[in-house]
Amino acid sequence: DGIANDANASENSIDSEVVNTDNEVDNIDDIDFEDNEIPFSNNLLRLPNNLYIWATMNSADQGVYPMDTGFKRRWEFEYVDVDLGERAMNVNFNNQSYDWNKIRKAINDVLVEMNVNEDKLMGAFFLKDSELNDFAVHFKYKVLMYLFEDVARQKRGMLFSKNYKRFSELCKDFVADGLDIFSGAFHNCLSKY
């Protein structure tokens, strides 16, 4: 099945093609869709030529098979920098104030030194704004778990101050010592920011 749009149609018009499930395509003019009306009936689906589908994807997601380059060529991709949209986001834990993005960037710097792929780095919105209100909890169960179980799994001793074997031990030390659970390399990177 396919759709061919009229190149002369204005961007706001509803001129379109009809896609028939029997592989027949019939032109129709001046389709008037009411608000919230689904343009579907009797095996026909009407799509306006100004319909765009936007999607995001994380190519590093382990539950997704790698996409064939031939398939990728048929789509438009736009790279989004891992730091896009970052801003100062102050958080408090262990009676101290920190900037979440400085912590995140320092962790990412260490991960880069560990040869971790860029698409596994933590982006500016790895933690939601709402999660920053209870930073210690979300940092422990979201950030530390991600680092421990996934990204730094093979090289924990490079990121953390010791080579933790159990996540529970890492969490216990985080509650007691805060950011001191991280290696000297992390603290060197953090001091740059």
C-alpha atoms as a PDB file:
ATOM      1  CA  ASP A   1       0.000   0.000   0.000  1.00  0.00           C
ATOM      2  CA  GLY A   2       1.216   3.509  -0.615  1.00  0.00           C
ATOM      3  CA  ILE A   3       0.266   7.132  -0.647  1.00  0.00           C
ATOM      4  CA  ALA A   4       1.115   9.753  -3.240  1.00  0.00           C
ATOM      5  CA  ASN A   5       0.502  13.355  -2.277  1.00  0.00           C
ATOM      6  CA  ASP A   6      -0.384  16.148  -4.661  1.00  0.00           C
ATOM      7  CA  ALA A   7       2.755  18.321  -4.851  1.00  0.00           C
ATOM      8  CA  ASN A   8       0.642  21.358  -5.763  1.00  0.00           C
ATOM      9  CA  ALA A   9      -1.627  21.091  -2.720  1.00  0.00           C
ATOM     10  CA  SER A  10      -1.194  23.727  -0.078  1.00  0.00           C
ATOM     11  CA  GLU A  11       0.331  22.635   3.206  1.00  0.00           C
ATOM     12  CA  ASN A  12      -2.930  23.186   5.067  1.00  0.00           C
ATOM     13  CA  SER A  13      -5.222  21.524   2.551  1.00  0.00           C
ATOM     14  CA  ILE A  14      -6.626  18.063   3.037  1.00  0.00           C
ATOM     15  CA  ASP A  15      -6.176  16.889  -0.562  1.00  0.00           C
ATOM     16  CA  SER A  16      -4.940  13.347  -0.368  1.00  0.00           C
ATOM     17  CA  GLU A  17      -5.021   9.865  -1.738  1.00  0.00           C
ATOM     18  CA  VAL A  18      -7.106   7.011  -0.480  1.00  0.00           C
ATOM     19  CA  VAL A  19      -5.262   3.851   0.433  1.00  0.00           C
ATOM     20  CA  ASN A  20      -7.383   0.813  -0.181  1.00  0.00           C
ATOM     21  CA  THR A  21      -6.474  -2.391   1.593  1.00  0.00           C
ATOM     22  CA  ASP A  22      -6.965  -4.173  -1.736  1.00  0.00           C
ATOM     23  CA  ASN A  23      -3.959  -2.238  -3.142  1.00  0.00           C
ATOM     24  CA  GLU A  24      -6.173   0.124  -5.118  1.00  0.00           C
ATOM     25  CA  VAL A  25      -5.516   3.862  -4.885  1.00  0.00           C
ATOM     26  CA  ASP A  26      -8.278   6.342  -5.748  1.00  0.00           C
ATOM     27  CA  ASN A  27      -7.998  10.140  -5.765  1.00  0.00           C
ATOM     28  CA  ILE A  28     -10.486  12.089  -3.723  1.00  0.00           C
ATOM     29  CA  ASP A  29     -10.769  15.843  -3.367  1.00  0.00           C
ATOM     30  CA  ASP A  30     -11.751  18.148  -0.550  1.00  0.00           C
ATOM     31  CA  ILE A  31     -11.921  15.688   2.298  1.00  0.00           C
ATOM     32  CA  ASP A  32     -13.373  17.530   5.262  1.00  0.00           C
ATOM     33  CA  PHE A  33     -12.395  15.851   8.510  1.00  0.00           C
ATOM     34  CA  GLU A  34     -14.323  16.942  11.546  1.00  0.00           C
ATOM     35  CA  ASP A  35     -12.377  17.514  14.764  1.00  0.00           C
ATOM     36  CA  ASN A  36     -11.384  14.193  16.330  1.00  0.00           C
ATOM     37  CA  GLU A  37     -12.907  12.237  13.448  1.00  0.00           C
ATOM     38  CA  ILE A  38     -10.917   9.182  12.456  1.00  0.00           C
ATOM     39  CA  PRO A  39     -10.735   9.034   8.658  1.00  0.00           C
ATOM     40  CA  PHE A  40     -11.284   5.294   8.396  1.00  0.00           C
ATOM     41  CA  SER A  41     -14.187   3.281   7.042  1.00  0.00           C
ATOM     42  CA  ASN A  42     -14.837   0.219   4.899  1.00  0.00           C
ATOM     43  CA  ASN A  43     -11.195  -0.802   4.395  1.00  0.00           C
ATOM     44  CA  LEU A  44     -10.156   2.741   3.435  1.00  0.00           C
ATOM     45  CA  LEU A  45      -7.788   4.996   5.322  1.00  0.00           C
ATOM     46  CA  ARG A  46      -7.565   8.644   4.278  1.00  0.00           C
ATOM     47  CA  LEU A  47      -4.363  10.490   5.204  1.00  0.00           C
ATOM     48  CA  PRO A  48      -3.871  14.208   4.563  1.00  0.00           C
ATOM     49  CA  ASN A  49      -0.684  15.203   2.751  1.00  0.00           C
ATOM     50  CA  ASN A  50       0.359  17.399   5.660  1.00  0.00           C
ATOM     51  CA  LEU A  51       0.528  14.488   8.117  1.00  0.00           C
ATOM     52  CA  TYR A  52       3.940  14.012   9.708  1.00  0.00           C
ATOM     53  CA  ILE A  53       4.994  11.267  12.067  1.00  0.00           C
ATOM     54  CA  TRP A  54       7.657  12.205  14.609  1.00  0.00           C
ATOM     55  CA  ALA A  55       9.402   9.570  16.658  1.00  0.00           C
ATOM     56  CA  THR A  56      12.426   9.200  18.852  1.00  0.00           C
ATOM     57  CA  MET A  57      14.630   6.217  19.351  1.00  0.00           C
ATOM     58  CA  ASN A  58      17.578   5.126  21.373  1.00  0.00           C
ATOM     59  CA  SER A  59      19.700   2.986  19.110  1.00  0.00           C
ATOM     60  CA  ALA A  60      21.542   1.617  22.161  1.00  0.00           C
ATOM     61  CA  ASP A  61      18.417   0.095  23.693  1.00  0.00           C
ATOM     62  CA  GLN A  62      19.319  -3.520  24.309  1.00  0.00           C
ATOM     63  CA  GLY A  63      15.810  -4.720  23.530  1.00  0.00           C
ATOM     64  CA  VAL A  64      16.002  -3.413  19.965  1.00  0.00           C
ATOM     65  CA  TYR A  65      17.719  -5.179  17.102  1.00  0.00           C
ATOM     66  CA  PRO A  66      20.178  -3.075  15.088  1.00  0.00           C
ATOM     67  CA  MET A  67      18.528  -1.452  12.089  1.00  0.00           C
ATOM     68  CA  ASP A  68      19.741  -2.274   8.627  1.00  0.00           C
ATOM     69  CA  THR A  69      21.435   0.678   6.911  1.00  0.00           C
ATOM     70  CA  GLY A  70      19.185   0.168   3.873  1.00  0.00           C
ATOM     71  CA  PHE A  71      16.165   0.693   6.106  1.00  0.00           C
ATOM     72  CA  LYS A  72      17.768   3.748   7.749  1.00  0.00           C
ATOM     73  CA  ARG A  73      18.325   5.397   4.356  1.00  0.00           C
ATOM     74  CA  ARG A  74      14.568   5.600   3.891  1.00  0.00           C
ATOM     75  CA  TRP A  75      14.135   7.855   6.932  1.00  0.00           C
ATOM     76  CA  GLU A  76      15.454  11.216   7.990  1.00  0.00           C
ATOM     77  CA  PHE A  77      17.540  11.154  11.150  1.00  0.00           C
ATOM     78  CA  GLU A  78      18.695  14.037  13.262  1.00  0.00           C
ATOM     79  CA  TYR A  79      21.416  13.643  15.853  1.00  0.00           C
ATOM     80  CA  VAL A  80      20.557  15.192  19.206  1.00  0.00           C
ATOM     81  CA  ASP A  81      23.510  16.056  21.425  1.00  0.00           C
ATOM     82  CA  VAL A  82      23.486  14.383  24.826  1.00  0.00           C
ATOM     83  CA  ASP A  83      23.820  17.802  26.502  1.00  0.00           C
ATOM     84  CA  LEU A  84      21.097  19.521  24.474  1.00  0.00           C
ATOM     85  CA  GLY A  85      18.701  21.409  26.729  1.00  0.00           C
ATOM     86  CA  GLU A  86      20.823  21.205  29.845  1.00  0.00           C
ATOM     87  CA  ARG A  87      20.507  23.899  32.449  1.00  0.00           C
ATOM     88  CA  ALA A  88      21.578  24.386  36.034  1.00  0.00           C
ATOM     89  CA  MET A  89      19.497  22.037  38.169  1.00  0.00           C
ATOM     90  CA  ASN A  90      20.387  22.314  41.834  1.00  0.00           C
ATOM     91  CA  VAL A  91      19.764  19.298  44.029  1.00  0.00           C
ATOM     92  CA  ASN A  92      20.331  18.670  47.706  1.00  0.00           C
ATOM     93  CA  PHE A  93      21.454  15.546  49.486  1.00  0.00           C
ATOM     94  CA  ASN A  94      23.747  14.718  52.394  1.00  0.00           C
ATOM     95  CA  ASN A  95      23.332  18.338  53.564  1.00  0.00           C
ATOM     96  CA  GLN A  96      25.046  19.677  50.446  1.00  0.00           C
ATOM     97  CA  SER A  97      23.874  21.381  47.268  1.00  0.00           C
ATOM     98  CA  TYR A  98      24.984  20.122  43.850  1.00  0.00           C
ATOM     99  CA  ASP A  99      24.221  20.856  40.214  1.00  0.00           C
ATOM    100  CA  TRP A 100      22.806  17.649  38.719  1.00  0.00           C
ATOM    101  CA  ASN A 101      24.158  18.434  35.257  1.00  0.00           C
ATOM    102  CA  LYS A 102      27.695  18.865  36.570  1.00  0.00           C
ATOM    103  CA  ILE A 103      27.474  15.460  38.256  1.00  0.00           C
ATOM    104  CA  ARG A 104      26.003  13.915  35.090  1.00  0.00           C
ATOM    105  CA  LYS A 105      28.673  15.427  32.853  1.00  0.00           C
ATOM    106  CA  ALA A 106      31.481  14.284  35.169  1.00  0.00           C
ATOM    107  CA  ILE A 107      30.085  10.733  35.118  1.00  0.00           C
ATOM    108  CA  ASN A 108      29.837  10.921  31.310  1.00  0.00           C
ATOM    109  CA  ASP A 109      33.451  12.109  31.077  1.00  0.00           C
ATOM    110  CA  VAL A 110      34.620   9.055  33.020  1.00  0.00           C
ATOM    111  CA  LEU A 111      32.432   6.799  30.874  1.00  0.00           C
ATOM    112  CA  VAL A 112      34.005   8.259  27.726  1.00  0.00           C
ATOM    113  CA  GLU A 113      37.456   7.469  29.163  1.00  0.00           C
ATOM    114  CA  MET A 114      36.188   3.910  29.691  1.00  0.00           C
ATOM    115  CA  ASN A 115      35.353   3.782  25.943  1.00  0.00           C
ATOM    116  CA  VAL A 116      31.593   3.667  26.543  1.00  0.00           C
ATOM    117  CA  ASN A 117      29.626   4.523  23.389  1.00  0.00           C
ATOM    118  CA  GLU A 118      28.132   7.999  23.269  1.00  0.00           C
ATOM    119  CA  ASP A 119      24.578   6.701  23.022  1.00  0.00           C
ATOM    120  CA  LYS A 120      24.940   5.139  26.481  1.00  0.00           C
ATOM    121  CA  LEU A 121      25.854   8.441  28.138  1.00  0.00           C
ATOM    122  CA  MET A 122      23.282  10.126  30.355  1.00  0.00           C
ATOM    123  CA  GLY A 123      21.442  12.975  28.690  1.00  0.00           C
ATOM    124  CA  ALA A 124      20.274  16.215  30.229  1.00  0.00           C
ATOM    125  CA  PHE A 125      16.866  14.700  30.955  1.00  0.00           C
ATOM    126  CA  PHE A 126      17.988  11.319  32.273  1.00  0.00           C
ATOM    127  CA  LEU A 127      16.314  12.391  35.508  1.00  0.00           C
ATOM    128  CA  LYS A 128      13.018  14.236  35.187  1.00  0.00           C
ATOM    129  CA  ASP A 129      12.504  17.574  36.895  1.00  0.00           C
ATOM    130  CA  SER A 130      10.027  15.919  39.270  1.00  0.00           C
ATOM    131  CA  GLU A 131      12.644  13.329  40.265  1.00  0.00           C
ATOM    132  CA  LEU A 132      15.097  16.029  41.312  1.00  0.00           C
ATOM    133  CA  ASN A 133      12.924  16.873  44.326  1.00  0.00           C
ATOM    134  CA  ASP A 134      13.843  13.537  45.885  1.00  0.00           C
ATOM    135  CA  PHE A 135      17.263  13.373  44.261  1.00  0.00           C
ATOM    136  CA  ALA A 136      18.970  10.843  46.539  1.00  0.00           C
ATOM    137  CA  VAL A 137      16.281   8.216  45.972  1.00  0.00           C
ATOM    138  CA  HIS A 138      16.130   8.642  42.196  1.00  0.00           C
ATOM    139  CA  PHE A 139      19.891   8.918  41.863  1.00  0.00           C
ATOM    140  CA  LYS A 140      20.308   5.678  43.777  1.00  0.00           C
ATOM    141  CA  TYR A 141      17.649   3.619  42.028  1.00  0.00           C
ATOM    142  CA  LYS A 142      17.858   5.096  38.550  1.00  0.00           C
ATOM    143  CA  VAL A 143      21.358   6.485  37.967  1.00  0.00           C
ATOM    144  CA  LEU A 144      23.387   4.116  40.122  1.00  0.00           C
ATOM    145  CA  MET A 145      21.431   1.081  38.959  1.00  0.00           C
ATOM    146  CA  TYR A 146      21.958   2.088  35.314  1.00  0.00           C
ATOM    147  CA  LEU A 147      25.678   2.535  35.890  1.00  0.00           C
ATOM    148  CA  PHE A 148      26.097  -0.606  38.001  1.00  0.00           C
ATOM    149  CA  GLU A 149      23.937  -3.008  35.985  1.00  0.00           C
ATOM    150  CA  ASP A 150      24.543  -1.745  32.482  1.00  0.00           C
ATOM    151  CA  VAL A 151      27.056   0.901  31.471  1.00  0.00           C
ATOM    152  CA  ALA A 152      29.938   0.239  33.868  1.00  0.00           C
ATOM    153  CA  ARG A 153      29.204  -3.412  34.483  1.00  0.00           C
ATOM    154  CA  GLN A 154      32.582  -4.627  33.207  1.00  0.00           C
ATOM    155  CA  LYS A 155      34.667  -1.736  34.600  1.00  0.00           C
ATOM    156  CA  ARG A 156      33.044  -0.763  37.896  1.00  0.00           C
ATOM    157  CA  GLY A 157      36.435  -0.137  39.511  1.00  0.00           C
ATOM    158  CA  MET A 158      37.130   2.674  37.029  1.00  0.00           C
ATOM    159  CA  LEU A 159      33.944   4.577  37.840  1.00  0.00           C
ATOM    160  CA  PHE A 160      33.477   3.792  41.515  1.00  0.00           C
ATOM    161  CA  SER A 161      35.928   4.154  44.395  1.00  0.00           C
ATOM    162  CA  LYS A 162      35.997   0.369  44.748  1.00  0.00           C
ATOM    163  CA  ASN A 163      35.016  -2.556  42.564  1.00  0.00           C
ATOM    164  CA  TYR A 164      31.535  -3.175  43.960  1.00  0.00           C
ATOM    165  CA  LYS A 165      30.230  -6.695  43.496  1.00  0.00           C
ATOM    166  CA  ARG A 166      26.732  -6.066  44.872  1.00  0.00           C
ATOM    167  CA  PHE A 167      24.346  -3.227  44.136  1.00  0.00           C
ATOM    168  CA  SER A 168      23.132  -3.224  47.746  1.00  0.00           C
ATOM    169  CA  GLU A 169      26.669  -2.468  48.943  1.00  0.00           C
ATOM    170  CA  LEU A 170      26.926   0.458  46.499  1.00  0.00           C
ATOM    171  CA  CYS A 171      23.582   1.844  47.710  1.00  0.00           C
ATOM    172  CA  LYS A 172      24.572   1.521  51.366  1.00  0.00           C
ATOM    173  CA  ASP A 173      27.815   3.401  50.711  1.00  0.00           C
ATOM    174  CA  PHE A 174      25.982   6.088  48.707  1.00  0.00           C
ATOM    175  CA  VAL A 175      23.647   6.759  51.641  1.00  0.00           C
ATOM    176  CA  ALA A 176      26.632   7.033  53.995  1.00  0.00           C
ATOM    177  CA  ASP A 177      29.216   8.714  51.753  1.00  0.00           C
ATOM    178  CA  GLY A 178      27.326  10.447  48.929  1.00  0.00           C
ATOM    179  CA  LEU A 179      29.468  11.162  45.879  1.00  0.00           C
ATOM    180  CA  ASP A 180      32.546   9.685  47.578  1.00  0.00           C
ATOM    181  CA  ILE A 181      31.431   6.337  46.117  1.00  0.00           C
ATOM    182  CA  PHE A 182      32.892   7.565  42.829  1.00  0.00           C
ATOM    183  CA  SER A 183      36.535   7.238  41.785  1.00  0.00           C
ATOM    184  CA  GLY A 184      39.170   9.938  41.799  1.00  0.00           C
ATOM    185  CA  ALA A 185      38.706  10.227  38.023  1.00  0.00           C
ATOM    186  CA  PHE A 186      35.099  11.306  38.629  1.00  0.00           C
ATOM    187  CA  HIS A 187      36.113  13.904  41.208  1.00  0.00           C
ATOM    188  CA  ASN A 188      38.785  15.269  38.842  1.00  0.00           C
ATOM    189  CA  CYS A 189      36.171  15.630  36.114  1.00  0.00           C
ATOM    190  CA  LEU A 190      33.661  17.192  38.514  1.00  0.00           C
ATOM    191  CA  SER A 191      36.187  19.829  39.542  1.00  0.00           C
ATOM    192  CA  LYS A 192      36.355  20.991  35.886  1.00  0.00           C
ATOM    193  CA  TYR A 193      32.743  22.085  36.065  1.00  0.00           C
END
